[in-house]
């Protein structure tokens, strides 16, 4: 729950920034001189890019949460199987075994979004965010029936 609150607070702060920067950009454009118009357009570009990124990220999180809820309803949510050292770090041997199992499961059923979801969770548990995100994007695409790049 605290992750959701943090996400919402961060999103609200970003939207406030977008509005603030956007109004400054509009003011610069309204000044009407060539230099202020160029600066105004430049200032407007950053909030537009940021708003697009925030929208894409929010869609991703919403879809991933919907898949988690659906998998939970089926009783198929994965559990964190990674062994930890006393200081909380992931034991590499444990991680390799879990990844081997998850990859084998995914190779056996490459069109099953559930397998890709579980692989994404394993990557996230191991703090491998880029691979976790790619695996989750694939799970979302498979669930939605969209074509998936090999």
C-alpha atoms as a PDB file:
ATOM      1  CA  UNK A   1       0.000   0.000   0.000  1.00  0.00           C
ATOM      2  CA  UNK A   2       2.837   2.416   0.762  1.00  0.00           C
ATOM      3  CA  UNK A   3       4.182   1.911  -2.792  1.00  0.00           C
ATOM      4  CA  UNK A   4       0.828   3.044  -4.204  1.00  0.00           C
ATOM      5  CA  UNK A   5       0.775   6.093  -1.967  1.00  0.00           C
ATOM      6  CA  UNK A   6       4.336   6.959  -2.950  1.00  0.00           C
ATOM      7  CA  UNK A   7       3.453   6.557  -6.635  1.00  0.00           C
ATOM      8  CA  UNK A   8       0.367   8.766  -6.349  1.00  0.00           C
ATOM      9  CA  UNK A   9       2.236  11.451  -4.397  1.00  0.00           C
ATOM     10  CA  UNK A  10       5.044  11.408  -6.954  1.00  0.00           C
ATOM     11  CA  UNK A  11       2.547  11.629  -9.814  1.00  0.00           C
ATOM     12  CA  UNK A  12       0.750  14.575  -8.196  1.00  0.00           C
ATOM     13  CA  UNK A  13       4.043  16.401  -7.680  1.00  0.00           C
ATOM     14  CA  UNK A  14       4.992  15.755 -11.309  1.00  0.00           C
ATOM     15  CA  UNK A  15       1.625  17.017 -12.573  1.00  0.00           C
ATOM     16  CA  UNK A  16       2.053  20.149 -10.448  1.00  0.00           C
ATOM     17  CA  UNK A  17       5.494  20.639 -12.025  1.00  0.00           C
ATOM     18  CA  UNK A  18       4.072  20.083 -15.516  1.00  0.00           C
ATOM     19  CA  UNK A  19       1.404  22.731 -14.937  1.00  0.00           C
ATOM     20  CA  UNK A  20       3.911  25.153 -13.434  1.00  0.00           C
ATOM     21  CA  UNK A  21       6.448  24.695 -16.241  1.00  0.00           C
ATOM     22  CA  UNK A  22       3.691  24.742 -18.864  1.00  0.00           C
ATOM     23  CA  UNK A  23       2.321  28.075 -17.669  1.00  0.00           C
ATOM     24  CA  UNK A  24       5.847  29.533 -17.715  1.00  0.00           C
ATOM     25  CA  UNK A  25       6.259  28.299 -21.271  1.00  0.00           C
ATOM     26  CA  UNK A  26       2.978  29.869 -22.319  1.00  0.00           C
ATOM     27  CA  UNK A  27       3.986  33.167 -20.677  1.00  0.00           C
ATOM     28  CA  UNK A  28       7.262  33.142 -22.568  1.00  0.00           C
ATOM     29  CA  UNK A  29       5.458  32.494 -25.849  1.00  0.00           C
ATOM     30  CA  UNK A  30       2.960  35.279 -25.095  1.00  0.00           C
ATOM     31  CA  UNK A  31       5.843  37.723 -24.619  1.00  0.00           C
ATOM     32  CA  UNK A  32       6.162  37.509 -28.386  1.00  0.00           C
ATOM     33  CA  UNK A  33       9.848  38.155 -29.002  1.00  0.00           C
ATOM     34  CA  UNK A  34      11.701  35.554 -31.061  1.00  0.00           C
ATOM     35  CA  UNK A  35      13.955  34.566 -28.159  1.00  0.00           C
ATOM     36  CA  UNK A  36      11.124  34.163 -25.630  1.00  0.00           C
ATOM     37  CA  UNK A  37       9.022  32.190 -28.126  1.00  0.00           C
ATOM     38  CA  UNK A  38      11.911  29.751 -28.690  1.00  0.00           C
ATOM     39  CA  UNK A  39      12.473  29.434 -24.931  1.00  0.00           C
ATOM     40  CA  UNK A  40       8.734  29.053 -24.362  1.00  0.00           C
ATOM     41  CA  UNK A  41       8.489  26.199 -26.847  1.00  0.00           C
ATOM     42  CA  UNK A  42      11.558  24.567 -25.282  1.00  0.00           C
ATOM     43  CA  UNK A  43      10.046  24.897 -21.802  1.00  0.00           C
ATOM     44  CA  UNK A  44       6.766  23.342 -23.038  1.00  0.00           C
ATOM     45  CA  UNK A  45       8.528  20.308 -24.515  1.00  0.00           C
ATOM     46  CA  UNK A  46       9.771  18.987 -21.164  1.00  0.00           C
ATOM     47  CA  UNK A  47       6.351  18.841 -19.483  1.00  0.00           C
ATOM     48  CA  UNK A  48       4.883  17.209 -22.589  1.00  0.00           C
ATOM     49  CA  UNK A  49       7.565  14.508 -22.581  1.00  0.00           C
ATOM     50  CA  UNK A  50       7.148  14.085 -18.828  1.00  0.00           C
ATOM     51  CA  UNK A  51       3.370  13.813 -19.089  1.00  0.00           C
ATOM     52  CA  UNK A  52       3.708  11.190 -21.829  1.00  0.00           C
ATOM     53  CA  UNK A  53       6.188   9.218 -19.711  1.00  0.00           C
ATOM     54  CA  UNK A  54       3.949   9.449 -16.636  1.00  0.00           C
ATOM     55  CA  UNK A  55       0.943   8.279 -18.681  1.00  0.00           C
ATOM     56  CA  UNK A  56       2.859   5.308 -20.138  1.00  0.00           C
ATOM     57  CA  UNK A  57       4.213   4.322 -16.744  1.00  0.00           C
ATOM     58  CA  UNK A  58       0.781   4.598 -15.111  1.00  0.00           C
ATOM     59  CA  UNK A  59      -0.762   2.418 -17.847  1.00  0.00           C
ATOM     60  CA  UNK A  60       2.007  -0.155 -17.364  1.00  0.00           C
ATOM     61  CA  UNK A  61       1.541  -0.281 -13.587  1.00  0.00           C
ATOM     62  CA  UNK A  62      -2.249  -0.470 -13.901  1.00  0.00           C
ATOM     63  CA  UNK A  63      -2.068  -3.332 -16.397  1.00  0.00           C
ATOM     64  CA  UNK A  64       0.541  -5.213 -14.354  1.00  0.00           C
ATOM     65  CA  UNK A  65      -1.626  -4.865 -11.239  1.00  0.00           C
ATOM     66  CA  UNK A  66      -4.650  -6.133 -13.177  1.00  0.00           C
ATOM     67  CA  UNK A  67      -2.672  -9.206 -14.248  1.00  0.00           C
ATOM     68  CA  UNK A  68      -1.565  -9.751 -10.657  1.00  0.00           C
ATOM     69  CA  UNK A  69      -5.180  -9.575  -9.464  1.00  0.00           C
ATOM     70  CA  UNK A  70      -6.289 -12.024 -12.151  1.00  0.00           C
ATOM     71  CA  UNK A  71      -3.462 -14.439 -11.339  1.00  0.00           C
ATOM     72  CA  UNK A  72      -4.215 -14.094  -7.630  1.00  0.00           C
ATOM     73  CA  UNK A  73      -7.861 -14.977  -8.267  1.00  0.00           C
ATOM     74  CA  UNK A  74      -6.651 -18.105 -10.078  1.00  0.00           C
ATOM     75  CA  UNK A  75      -4.338 -18.950  -7.182  1.00  0.00           C
ATOM     76  CA  UNK A  76      -1.268 -18.696  -9.405  1.00  0.00           C
ATOM     77  CA  UNK A  77       0.667 -15.809  -7.898  1.00  0.00           C
ATOM     78  CA  UNK A  78       4.322 -16.711  -7.429  1.00  0.00           C
ATOM     79  CA  UNK A  79       5.984 -16.584  -4.035  1.00  0.00           C
ATOM     80  CA  UNK A  80       9.456 -15.203  -3.424  1.00  0.00           C
ATOM     81  CA  UNK A  81      11.579 -18.342  -3.472  1.00  0.00           C
ATOM     82  CA  UNK A  82      14.936 -16.611  -3.423  1.00  0.00           C
ATOM     83  CA  UNK A  83      17.179 -17.474  -0.492  1.00  0.00           C
ATOM     84  CA  UNK A  84      18.765 -14.503   1.226  1.00  0.00           C
ATOM     85  CA  UNK A  85      22.034 -14.012   3.067  1.00  0.00           C
ATOM     86  CA  UNK A  86      21.870 -12.712   6.654  1.00  0.00           C
ATOM     87  CA  UNK A  87      22.303  -9.134   5.385  1.00  0.00           C
ATOM     88  CA  UNK A  88      19.322  -9.522   3.024  1.00  0.00           C
ATOM     89  CA  UNK A  89      21.154 -10.000  -0.255  1.00  0.00           C
ATOM     90  CA  UNK A  90      19.962 -12.622  -2.657  1.00  0.00           C
ATOM     91  CA  UNK A  91      21.926 -15.856  -2.702  1.00  0.00           C
ATOM     92  CA  UNK A  92      23.187 -16.247  -6.292  1.00  0.00           C
ATOM     93  CA  UNK A  93      22.803 -20.042  -6.322  1.00  0.00           C
ATOM     94  CA  UNK A  94      19.197 -19.750  -5.180  1.00  0.00           C
ATOM     95  CA  UNK A  95      18.507 -17.065  -7.786  1.00  0.00           C
ATOM     96  CA  UNK A  96      20.066 -19.138 -10.575  1.00  0.00           C
ATOM     97  CA  UNK A  97      17.883 -22.119  -9.666  1.00  0.00           C
ATOM     98  CA  UNK A  98      14.700 -20.019  -9.582  1.00  0.00           C
ATOM     99  CA  UNK A  99      15.537 -18.311 -12.874  1.00  0.00           C
ATOM    100  CA  UNK A 100      16.321 -21.646 -14.526  1.00  0.00           C
ATOM    101  CA  UNK A 101      12.940 -22.972 -13.427  1.00  0.00           C
ATOM    102  CA  UNK A 102      11.076 -19.844 -14.537  1.00  0.00           C
ATOM    103  CA  UNK A 103      12.891 -19.694 -17.887  1.00  0.00           C
ATOM    104  CA  UNK A 104      12.176 -23.384 -18.527  1.00  0.00           C
ATOM    105  CA  UNK A 105       8.517 -22.783 -17.698  1.00  0.00           C
ATOM    106  CA  UNK A 106       8.467 -19.846 -20.113  1.00  0.00           C
ATOM    107  CA  UNK A 107      10.228 -21.812 -22.861  1.00  0.00           C
ATOM    108  CA  UNK A 108       7.709 -24.648 -22.459  1.00  0.00           C
ATOM    109  CA  UNK A 109       4.778 -22.238 -22.814  1.00  0.00           C
ATOM    110  CA  UNK A 110       6.079 -19.118 -24.606  1.00  0.00           C
ATOM    111  CA  UNK A 111       2.574 -17.826 -25.325  1.00  0.00           C
ATOM    112  CA  UNK A 112       1.317 -18.077 -21.734  1.00  0.00           C
ATOM    113  CA  UNK A 113       1.200 -14.671 -20.084  1.00  0.00           C
ATOM    114  CA  UNK A 114       1.203 -16.314 -16.648  1.00  0.00           C
ATOM    115  CA  UNK A 115       4.677 -17.786 -17.214  1.00  0.00           C
ATOM    116  CA  UNK A 116       6.015 -14.411 -18.336  1.00  0.00           C
ATOM    117  CA  UNK A 117       4.397 -12.740 -15.326  1.00  0.00           C
ATOM    118  CA  UNK A 118       6.092 -15.178 -12.939  1.00  0.00           C
ATOM    119  CA  UNK A 119       9.423 -14.655 -14.721  1.00  0.00           C
ATOM    120  CA  UNK A 120       8.988 -10.884 -14.374  1.00  0.00           C
ATOM    121  CA  UNK A 121       8.353 -11.272 -10.651  1.00  0.00           C
ATOM    122  CA  UNK A 122      11.481 -13.396 -10.274  1.00  0.00           C
ATOM    123  CA  UNK A 123      13.525 -10.714 -12.059  1.00  0.00           C
ATOM    124  CA  UNK A 124      11.999  -8.022  -9.865  1.00  0.00           C
ATOM    125  CA  UNK A 125      12.757  -9.990  -6.712  1.00  0.00           C
ATOM    126  CA  UNK A 126      16.359 -10.163  -7.886  1.00  0.00           C
ATOM    127  CA  UNK A 127      16.296  -6.398  -8.540  1.00  0.00           C
ATOM    128  CA  UNK A 128      16.888  -6.848 -12.284  1.00  0.00           C
ATOM    129  CA  UNK A 129      14.479  -4.089 -13.276  1.00  0.00           C
ATOM    130  CA  UNK A 130      15.160  -3.925 -17.038  1.00  0.00           C
ATOM    131  CA  UNK A 131      14.518  -7.649 -17.525  1.00  0.00           C
ATOM    132  CA  UNK A 132      11.548  -7.568 -15.151  1.00  0.00           C
ATOM    133  CA  UNK A 133       9.964  -4.737 -17.129  1.00  0.00           C
ATOM    134  CA  UNK A 134      10.514  -6.470 -20.485  1.00  0.00           C
ATOM    135  CA  UNK A 135       9.073  -9.739 -19.203  1.00  0.00           C
ATOM    136  CA  UNK A 136       6.054  -7.912 -17.748  1.00  0.00           C
ATOM    137  CA  UNK A 137       5.513  -6.001 -20.999  1.00  0.00           C
ATOM    138  CA  UNK A 138       5.495  -9.327 -22.810  1.00  0.00           C
ATOM    139  CA  UNK A 139       3.020 -10.773 -20.285  1.00  0.00           C
ATOM    140  CA  UNK A 140       0.731  -7.768 -20.777  1.00  0.00           C
ATOM    141  CA  UNK A 141       0.931  -8.032 -24.578  1.00  0.00           C
ATOM    142  CA  UNK A 142       0.197 -11.770 -24.497  1.00  0.00           C
ATOM    143  CA  UNK A 143      -2.725 -11.240 -22.126  1.00  0.00           C
ATOM    144  CA  UNK A 144      -4.161  -8.516 -24.347  1.00  0.00           C
ATOM    145  CA  UNK A 145      -3.709 -10.644 -27.482  1.00  0.00           C
ATOM    146  CA  UNK A 146      -1.295  -8.204 -29.072  1.00  0.00           C
ATOM    147  CA  UNK A 147       1.593  -9.391 -31.232  1.00  0.00           C
ATOM    148  CA  UNK A 148       4.836  -9.934 -29.366  1.00  0.00           C
ATOM    149  CA  UNK A 149       8.294  -9.360 -30.767  1.00  0.00           C
ATOM    150  CA  UNK A 150      10.529 -12.394 -30.532  1.00  0.00           C
END
